[in-house]
Protein backbone atom coordinates (compact mmCIF):
# COMPACT_ATOMS: atom_id res chain seq x y z
CA MET A 1 31.42 24.60 85.64
CA PRO A 2 34.47 26.45 86.22
CA ILE A 3 36.95 26.91 83.25
CA ALA A 4 40.64 27.55 83.40
CA THR A 5 41.63 29.25 80.21
CA LEU A 6 44.97 29.80 78.32
CA ILE A 7 45.64 32.88 75.81
CA VAL A 8 48.19 31.99 73.27
CA ASP A 9 49.19 34.91 70.91
CA ASP A 10 52.30 36.64 70.32
CA GLU A 11 50.62 40.24 70.02
CA PRO A 12 50.20 41.92 73.43
CA LEU A 13 47.20 43.89 72.53
CA ALA A 14 45.37 40.66 71.28
CA ARG A 15 46.04 38.76 74.58
CA GLU A 16 44.82 41.99 76.38
CA GLY A 17 41.53 42.14 74.39
CA LEU A 18 40.88 38.29 74.96
CA ARG A 19 41.65 38.78 78.66
CA MET A 20 39.25 41.56 79.04
CA LEU A 21 36.44 39.59 77.24
CA LEU A 22 37.14 36.41 79.04
CA ALA A 23 37.02 38.44 82.64
CA ARG A 24 33.23 39.37 81.86
CA ASP A 25 32.38 35.70 82.17
CA ALA A 26 31.66 34.21 85.76
CA ALA A 27 32.71 30.62 84.69
CA ILE A 28 36.11 31.75 83.93
CA THR A 29 37.95 31.05 86.87
CA ALA A 30 41.50 31.45 85.81
CA ILE A 31 43.32 33.37 82.81
CA GLU A 32 46.77 32.48 82.03
CA GLU A 33 48.86 33.70 78.96
CA ALA A 34 51.62 32.69 76.66
CA ARG A 35 53.35 34.77 74.18
CA ASN A 36 54.57 32.07 71.84
CA GLY A 37 54.04 28.27 70.95
CA HIS A 38 57.09 27.23 73.22
CA GLU A 39 55.46 28.96 76.11
CA ALA A 40 52.03 27.60 75.31
CA VAL A 41 53.38 24.07 75.26
CA ALA A 42 54.95 24.59 78.73
CA ALA A 43 51.89 26.07 80.06
CA ILE A 44 49.50 23.26 78.90
CA ARG A 45 51.63 20.47 80.16
CA ALA A 46 52.16 22.29 83.57
CA ARG A 47 48.82 23.55 84.20
CA ARG A 48 46.24 21.55 82.05
CA PRO A 49 43.77 24.48 81.30
CA ASP A 50 40.21 23.46 80.08
CA LEU A 51 40.22 25.93 77.23
CA VAL A 52 42.94 27.38 75.01
CA PHE A 53 42.42 30.43 72.75
CA LEU A 54 45.24 29.55 70.13
CA ASP A 55 46.70 31.91 67.63
CA VAL A 56 47.19 30.08 64.44
CA GLN A 57 50.00 32.13 63.03
CA MET A 58 52.94 32.89 65.39
CA PRO A 59 56.85 33.00 64.80
CA GLY A 60 58.77 30.12 65.67
CA MET A 61 56.22 27.70 66.58
CA ASP A 62 52.48 28.18 65.34
CA GLY A 63 49.39 27.07 66.66
CA ILE A 64 49.20 23.72 64.54
CA SER A 65 52.89 22.99 65.74
CA VAL A 66 51.67 23.44 69.39
CA ILE A 67 48.83 20.91 68.70
CA ARG A 68 51.41 18.48 67.08
CA GLU A 69 53.85 18.90 70.21
CA ILE A 70 51.32 18.26 72.77
CA GLY A 71 49.28 15.75 70.71
CA PRO A 72 45.69 16.23 69.59
CA GLU A 73 44.28 13.60 71.98
CA ARG A 74 45.82 15.57 74.94
CA MET A 75 44.90 19.05 73.94
CA PRO A 76 42.37 20.99 75.95
CA ALA A 77 39.38 22.37 73.97
CA VAL A 78 40.64 24.87 71.45
CA VAL A 79 39.26 28.19 69.87
CA PHE A 80 41.43 29.23 67.05
CA VAL A 81 42.25 32.75 66.87
CA THR A 82 43.29 33.67 63.06
CA ALA A 83 43.85 36.30 60.60
CA HIS A 84 43.83 33.75 57.64
CA ASP A 85 41.59 34.16 54.68
CA ARG A 86 38.19 32.50 54.31
CA TYR A 87 39.56 29.36 52.85
CA ALA A 88 41.55 28.68 55.90
CA VAL A 89 38.49 29.32 58.10
CA GLN A 90 36.25 27.05 56.03
CA ALA A 91 38.95 24.35 56.92
CA PHE A 92 38.43 24.79 60.54
CA GLU A 93 34.56 24.69 60.29
CA ILE A 94 34.59 21.53 58.47
CA ASN A 95 36.59 20.15 61.42
CA ALA A 96 33.86 21.54 63.69
CA ILE A 97 36.46 23.62 65.70
CA ASP A 98 35.32 27.08 66.43
CA TYR A 99 37.48 30.18 65.55
CA LEU A 100 37.85 33.92 65.89
CA LEU A 101 38.78 35.69 62.77
CA LYS A 102 40.76 38.96 63.55
CA PRO A 103 39.32 41.52 64.17
CA PHE A 104 36.18 39.96 65.91
CA THR A 105 33.53 41.66 67.82
CA ALA A 106 32.47 40.98 71.38
CA GLU A 107 29.35 39.29 70.02
CA ARG A 108 31.46 36.85 67.80
CA PHE A 109 33.55 36.28 70.97
CA ALA A 110 30.58 35.43 73.06
CA GLY A 111 29.21 32.94 70.63
CA ALA A 112 32.70 31.14 70.35
CA LEU A 113 32.95 31.02 74.12
CA GLU A 114 29.57 29.68 74.35
CA ARG A 115 30.16 26.73 71.82
CA ALA A 116 33.60 26.13 73.46
CA LYS A 117 31.41 25.66 76.95
CA ALA A 118 29.43 23.03 75.08
CA ARG A 119 32.37 21.12 73.86
CA LEU A 120 33.59 20.99 77.19
CA ALA A 121 30.43 19.22 78.04
CA ARG A 122 31.14 16.48 75.61
CA PRO A 123 35.10 16.39 75.00
CA GLU A 124 35.32 12.88 73.63
CA GLY A 125 35.28 14.02 70.13
CA ALA A 126 37.70 17.01 70.15
CA GLY A 127 40.94 14.95 69.82
CA SER A 128 39.78 13.34 66.43
CA GLU A 129 38.86 16.84 65.17
CA LEU A 130 42.18 18.32 66.19
CA ALA A 131 43.94 15.47 64.60
CA SER A 132 42.10 16.18 61.20
CA VAL A 133 43.24 19.70 61.41
CA VAL A 134 46.80 18.91 61.97
CA GLU A 135 46.85 16.44 59.37
CA ASN A 136 45.41 19.01 56.84
CA ALA A 137 47.05 22.08 58.11
CA GLY A 138 50.00 22.11 55.65
CA LEU A 139 47.54 22.50 52.74
CA ARG A 140 47.22 26.12 53.39
CA TYR A 141 50.65 27.33 52.82
CA VAL A 142 51.86 28.18 49.41
CA LYS A 143 54.58 25.62 47.88
CA ARG A 144 55.39 27.52 44.66
CA LEU A 145 54.89 30.90 42.95
CA ALA A 146 54.16 31.80 39.27
CA VAL A 147 56.32 34.72 38.15
CA ARG A 148 55.66 36.52 35.24
CA ALA A 149 58.55 37.74 32.77
CA VAL A 150 58.50 39.07 29.25
CA GLY A 151 56.73 36.50 27.14
CA ARG A 152 56.72 33.67 29.79
CA ILE A 153 55.53 32.58 32.97
CA PHE A 154 57.84 30.34 35.13
CA PHE A 155 57.71 28.62 38.67
CA VAL A 156 59.64 29.28 41.86
CA ASP A 157 59.66 26.94 44.81
CA VAL A 158 59.20 28.75 47.88
CA GLU A 159 61.95 26.96 49.62
CA GLU A 160 64.40 28.36 47.05
CA VAL A 161 63.69 31.87 47.88
CA GLU A 162 66.28 33.47 50.32
CA TRP A 163 64.17 36.56 51.30
CA PHE A 164 61.30 38.53 49.98
CA GLN A 165 61.53 42.27 50.09
CA ALA A 166 58.63 44.82 49.62
CA ALA A 167 58.87 47.09 46.52
CA GLU A 168 56.07 49.36 46.60
CA ASN A 169 53.10 47.35 45.03
CA TYR A 170 55.41 44.41 44.34
CA VAL A 171 57.46 41.84 46.26
CA GLU A 172 60.93 40.88 45.33
CA LEU A 173 61.91 37.14 45.30
CA HIS A 174 65.48 36.97 45.91
CA THR A 175 66.91 33.44 45.00
CA ALA A 176 70.44 32.07 44.12
CA ARG A 177 69.29 32.23 40.56
CA GLY A 178 68.38 35.78 40.57
CA THR A 179 65.57 38.33 41.71
CA HIS A 180 61.93 38.07 40.36
CA LEU A 181 58.93 40.42 41.04
CA LEU A 182 55.64 39.38 42.29
CA HIS A 183 52.40 41.51 42.27
CA VAL A 184 51.04 40.75 45.97
CA ALA A 185 50.98 42.93 49.13
CA MET A 186 53.48 41.83 51.82
CA ASN A 187 50.96 41.22 54.47
CA THR A 188 49.14 38.90 52.01
CA LEU A 189 52.09 37.07 51.05
CA GLU A 190 53.18 36.37 54.81
CA LYS A 191 49.96 34.71 55.56
CA SER A 192 50.56 32.45 52.56
CA LEU A 193 53.94 31.29 53.80
CA ASP A 194 54.75 28.41 56.24
CA PRO A 195 55.76 30.39 59.41
CA GLU A 196 58.14 27.48 60.52
CA LEU A 197 59.94 28.31 57.17
CA PHE A 198 59.62 32.07 56.85
CA LEU A 199 60.11 34.59 59.52
CA ARG A 200 59.18 38.49 59.13
CA ILE A 201 62.17 40.54 60.46
CA HIS A 202 61.08 43.95 59.28
CA ARG A 203 58.11 45.61 57.76
CA CYS A 204 59.62 45.05 54.29
CA LEU A 205 61.39 41.74 54.79
CA ILE A 206 60.43 38.14 55.23
CA VAL A 207 63.55 35.63 55.50
CA ASN A 208 63.81 31.90 54.78
CA VAL A 209 65.11 30.75 58.14
CA ARG A 210 66.93 27.88 56.70
CA ARG A 211 69.16 30.29 54.91
CA ILE A 212 70.26 32.44 58.13
CA ARG A 213 73.77 31.71 58.66
CA GLU A 214 74.27 34.00 61.94
CA LEU A 215 72.62 36.81 63.73
CA GLN A 216 74.54 39.81 64.82
CA PRO A 217 73.05 42.17 67.54
CA ALA A 218 72.87 45.83 66.33
CA THR A 219 71.68 48.87 68.23
CA HIS A 220 68.36 49.29 69.91
CA GLY A 221 67.53 45.57 69.99
CA GLU A 222 67.95 45.15 66.17
CA TYR A 223 69.82 42.53 64.38
CA VAL A 224 71.92 42.13 61.27
CA VAL A 225 70.72 38.78 59.70
CA VAL A 226 73.61 37.28 57.87
CA LEU A 227 72.51 34.47 54.99
CA GLU A 228 74.28 31.69 53.74
CA SER A 229 74.73 33.57 50.46
CA GLY A 230 76.60 36.54 52.26
CA ALA A 231 73.56 38.73 51.99
CA ARG A 232 73.15 41.13 55.06
CA LEU A 233 69.65 42.28 56.25
CA GLU A 234 68.79 44.74 59.08
CA SER A 235 65.71 43.74 61.02
CA GLY A 236 63.20 46.04 62.38
CA ARG A 237 63.07 46.96 66.02
CA THR A 238 59.45 45.92 66.58
CA TYR A 239 60.51 42.52 65.22
CA ARG A 240 63.22 41.66 67.89
CA GLU A 241 61.03 39.43 69.98
CA ARG A 242 60.36 37.15 66.78
CA ILE A 243 64.09 37.00 65.95
CA ARG A 244 65.15 36.19 69.52
CA LEU A 245 62.97 33.05 69.36
CA LEU A 246 65.52 31.72 66.62
CA THR A 247 68.18 31.76 69.31
CA ALA A 248 66.37 29.36 71.76
CA ASN A 249 66.94 25.76 71.26
CA PRO A 250 64.05 23.55 71.72
CA PHE A 251 65.37 21.65 74.57
């Protein structure tokens, strides 16, 4: 059967790699791309693809939010593309929805595509499975962090953090009540944070989007991110597309 496919990923190289792999299969009759969740929602509504390769973690609107916006019962067949750890992957497996864990091999991709084809032949159960994923999606994001200080351990709700900043082998948590150190890699921390609440604006900076007061354009496509506390953070050039998504109203 002919299959129209949509690739959703904020990384151009990831989209290109999926496109090359899909082009090898004669059953794939059309390949569209979306760079973010908002484009994905528009493409799904306008073109109704048969199959979507959906990145889980994207800035602004992530893959789970795309499903919420469309509605699980109206979503095409989905193969998740994720860089999440094995616990998140196990959650997807339990719900019988296939996934590709970055980086993946051509053989792993071929297996996922074959399972997606089988799903398309019996699509009646996909909606309920997606609904279960959406319902449980928020469980994978950390809600509070344990911070060790001299002689004690205390807890910080992640929503209280204004921004995170890399500091060698640690990450600084900046809150209204002070700065704390957490022994974790920046990339590991980013995967544990809700992308609807936190945005990486620099290889060393992750910002709580609810604490952003304004954006001031700077040179070379960079921004000065001004927080409600008055703190001013400079974005990295490679993160400008992520930040520009903040300026787009949902309507």
